[in-house]
Amino acid sequence: MQEQENVQTQDHEYVYFISYSHSRGFGNVEVNMSDEMIDIDAIHSLAKEIEESLSLKDVMIINFFPLRLQEKAEN
């Protein structure tokens, strides 16, 4: 059953609303991910990615909320 679910979502991205704190305050962002956020490692990786892409320090994910499942954009 699990394989069937993966086949159905391989052409989709998960879109999340992320709330976070950082060294200068708080923020939020919408992110597209190829996989579901199902473990703490994914949350830590996302915090590092937010730090790098937005030039912030000490990012800590406060909360995340799945918004939608959408088709992957064609390159």
C-alpha atoms as a PDB file:
ATOM      1  CA  MET A   1       0.000   0.000   0.000  1.00  0.00           C
ATOM      2  CA  GLN A   2       2.811   2.437   0.824  1.00  0.00           C
ATOM      3  CA  GLU A   3       4.377   2.048  -2.651  1.00  0.00           C
ATOM      4  CA  GLN A   4       1.086   2.927  -4.294  1.00  0.00           C
ATOM      5  CA  GLU A   5       0.852   6.182  -2.310  1.00  0.00           C
ATOM      6  CA  ASN A   6       4.419   7.147  -3.298  1.00  0.00           C
ATOM      7  CA  VAL A   7       3.659   6.556  -6.971  1.00  0.00           C
ATOM      8  CA  GLN A   8       0.646   8.835  -6.765  1.00  0.00           C
ATOM      9  CA  THR A   9       2.586  11.720  -5.184  1.00  0.00           C
ATOM     10  CA  GLN A  10       5.935  11.492  -7.026  1.00  0.00           C
ATOM     11  CA  ASP A  11       4.811  14.204  -9.470  1.00  0.00           C
ATOM     12  CA  HIS A  12       3.651  16.458  -6.645  1.00  0.00           C
ATOM     13  CA  GLU A  13       5.164  18.790  -4.078  1.00  0.00           C
ATOM     14  CA  TYR A  14       4.029  19.446  -0.537  1.00  0.00           C
ATOM     15  CA  VAL A  15       3.470  23.126   0.225  1.00  0.00           C
ATOM     16  CA  TYR A  16       3.873  24.208   3.852  1.00  0.00           C
ATOM     17  CA  PHE A  17       3.359  27.427   5.778  1.00  0.00           C
ATOM     18  CA  ILE A  18       6.307  27.758   8.172  1.00  0.00           C
ATOM     19  CA  SER A  19       6.517  30.042  11.236  1.00  0.00           C
ATOM     20  CA  TYR A  20       9.972  30.615  12.692  1.00  0.00           C
ATOM     21  CA  SER A  21      12.003  32.771  15.024  1.00  0.00           C
ATOM     22  CA  HIS A  22      15.490  34.113  14.343  1.00  0.00           C
ATOM     23  CA  SER A  23      18.090  36.346  15.950  1.00  0.00           C
ATOM     24  CA  ARG A  24      16.217  39.548  15.004  1.00  0.00           C
ATOM     25  CA  GLY A  25      12.606  38.460  15.533  1.00  0.00           C
ATOM     26  CA  PHE A  26      10.023  36.281  13.832  1.00  0.00           C
ATOM     27  CA  GLY A  27       8.986  35.390  10.316  1.00  0.00           C
ATOM     28  CA  ASN A  28       6.965  33.092   8.155  1.00  0.00           C
ATOM     29  CA  VAL A  29       7.363  31.626   4.712  1.00  0.00           C
ATOM     30  CA  GLU A  30       5.665  29.271   2.290  1.00  0.00           C
ATOM     31  CA  VAL A  31       7.923  26.420   1.116  1.00  0.00           C
ATOM     32  CA  ASN A  32       7.611  23.665  -1.478  1.00  0.00           C
ATOM     33  CA  MET A  33       9.062  20.298  -0.530  1.00  0.00           C
ATOM     34  CA  SER A  34       9.362  17.052  -2.450  1.00  0.00           C
ATOM     35  CA  ASP A  35       8.701  15.001   0.713  1.00  0.00           C
ATOM     36  CA  GLU A  36       6.398  15.279   3.688  1.00  0.00           C
ATOM     37  CA  MET A  37       7.823  16.722   6.891  1.00  0.00           C
ATOM     38  CA  ILE A  38       7.605  13.639   9.078  1.00  0.00           C
ATOM     39  CA  ASP A  39      10.682  13.796  11.299  1.00  0.00           C
ATOM     40  CA  ILE A  40      12.869  16.152  13.290  1.00  0.00           C
ATOM     41  CA  ASP A  41      15.706  15.925  10.749  1.00  0.00           C
ATOM     42  CA  ALA A  42      13.493  17.475   8.069  1.00  0.00           C
ATOM     43  CA  ILE A  43      12.651  20.357  10.425  1.00  0.00           C
ATOM     44  CA  HIS A  44      16.323  20.988  11.261  1.00  0.00           C
ATOM     45  CA  SER A  45      17.265  20.881   7.574  1.00  0.00           C
ATOM     46  CA  LEU A  46      14.531  23.369   6.747  1.00  0.00           C
ATOM     47  CA  ALA A  47      15.741  25.737   9.495  1.00  0.00           C
ATOM     48  CA  LYS A  48      19.259  25.651   7.991  1.00  0.00           C
ATOM     49  CA  GLU A  49      17.880  26.249   4.509  1.00  0.00           C
ATOM     50  CA  ILE A  50      15.889  29.272   5.727  1.00  0.00           C
ATOM     51  CA  GLU A  51      19.026  30.648   7.417  1.00  0.00           C
ATOM     52  CA  GLU A  52      21.035  30.334   4.211  1.00  0.00           C
ATOM     53  CA  SER A  53      18.444  31.545   1.726  1.00  0.00           C
ATOM     54  CA  LEU A  54      17.245  34.515   3.822  1.00  0.00           C
ATOM     55  CA  SER A  55      20.621  35.389   5.412  1.00  0.00           C
ATOM     56  CA  LEU A  56      19.317  34.917   8.963  1.00  0.00           C
ATOM     57  CA  LYS A  57      20.912  33.527  12.118  1.00  0.00           C
ATOM     58  CA  ASP A  58      19.607  31.157  14.793  1.00  0.00           C
ATOM     59  CA  VAL A  59      16.460  30.116  12.916  1.00  0.00           C
ATOM     60  CA  MET A  60      14.130  27.919  14.950  1.00  0.00           C
ATOM     61  CA  ILE A  61      10.975  26.461  13.410  1.00  0.00           C
ATOM     62  CA  ILE A  62       8.061  27.289  15.700  1.00  0.00           C
ATOM     63  CA  ASN A  63       5.294  25.626  13.728  1.00  0.00           C
ATOM     64  CA  PHE A  64       4.456  24.301  10.283  1.00  0.00           C
ATOM     65  CA  PHE A  65       1.160  23.671   8.578  1.00  0.00           C
ATOM     66  CA  PRO A  66       0.530  21.762   5.333  1.00  0.00           C
ATOM     67  CA  LEU A  67      -1.301  24.006   2.862  1.00  0.00           C
ATOM     68  CA  ARG A  68      -1.682  21.867  -0.242  1.00  0.00           C
ATOM     69  CA  LEU A  69      -0.321  19.184  -2.523  1.00  0.00           C
ATOM     70  CA  GLN A  70       0.447  20.577  -5.971  1.00  0.00           C
ATOM     71  CA  GLU A  71       1.913  19.346  -9.231  1.00  0.00           C
ATOM     72  CA  LYS A  72       5.652  19.853  -9.623  1.00  0.00           C
ATOM     73  CA  ALA A  73       6.629  22.712 -11.904  1.00  0.00           C
ATOM     74  CA  GLU A  74       8.185  21.671 -15.211  1.00  0.00           C
ATOM     75  CA  ASN A  75      11.813  22.754 -15.684  1.00  0.00           C
END
